[in-house]
Amino acid sequence: MTDEDWREAGAVGYEIAREGPEAVNEALGRIASMSTTSAGQAGPKAVYGRFYEWLAYTSPVVDLGPIKHLLREHILNTMIVEPDEVLLGQRVEGRRLHSVHSLSVATGLHRKRLRKIMVQAGFASNDSWDTAASRLVFPAAETERLCRYVAGSVSLSQLPEAIVCTRTQAESIYREGVITSIVGGDADVGIAKLAFARDDVTKFLACLENLPVQAASAGLVDVVSATKRTGRSTGEILGAVLAGDIPACRVAGPVGVNTVRFRLPDLDPLRLRQPRVRKHPG
């Protein structure tokens, strides 16, 4: 670089620095985006080059100001750095980010499936499929928790057996948000590929188990009859039960949707068409 090049670079750097840490972080991001390295596991030294070397290897006696700390935090928040690695003179205490590879190692889920999950969950964009593995990163704690849910999840095909109902009823319960899927919805992942956290399924069954138990009688109707009499879906009716809007009970047997019962008068608030009142002569 010529003296004029250095002068121009210094002027640009000064203008960035005087705007504060956010502007510095933005500039560091632009530097990283201009990196031409194509190495699958390119580290910060390969990305930031001489700038990184200057901060990493300058004598600690020399006070470089806050830029060293800003670069270190920027790297930890944007690049994969393994725990216990030494970064700019300090040991990294814990993982902040995962790549597809490291998340696969940590969770046991296949890398191809993980990419799809990350896109569906909003941690990566739809156009990220060609992004280098070292550049596609996700927050470690959140994605590990999500993957634990996925690994132990209940698929839509398994949900009817889990909550004792039909496939149509299970789909209605999902569509009405009574039990939500872990990631995505039928619009972006296909309803057949939905997965439900086992904890959510257990909580749903616990709510049904807490309903009072009554002996079967002519005065009680099941969920199927309730949908016909009210014009409401299974999901709408059970959503109203869980919200405390209508009372319900259950008969003895395995706890599930098909053991829930209702008194006909209790369904009146849900009727799309109210029963006609007969007028007595005179």
Foldseek 3Di string as FASTA:
>chain_A
DDPVVVVVVVVVVVVQVVVHLVSVLVVVVVQQVPQPDPDLQDAPCSSNPPVQVCQQPDDPVDDPDCPSVSVQVSCLQFWWDQAQDQGSRRGHHHHFKDFLVRLCVVQVDDSVVLVVQCCQAVLDDPPCPPPRRGRRMGGPPVSNVLSVQVVQWAFLVRLCVLQVHDSQQSVLLAVLPVFDFSGHDCVPPNNRGTTGGVVSSVVLLVLQVPFAEDADDPQKDALVVLCVQAVDGSNVVSVCCSVVNFHWHFYDDRRHRRRIIDGVVRSQVRHPDHDDDDDDDD
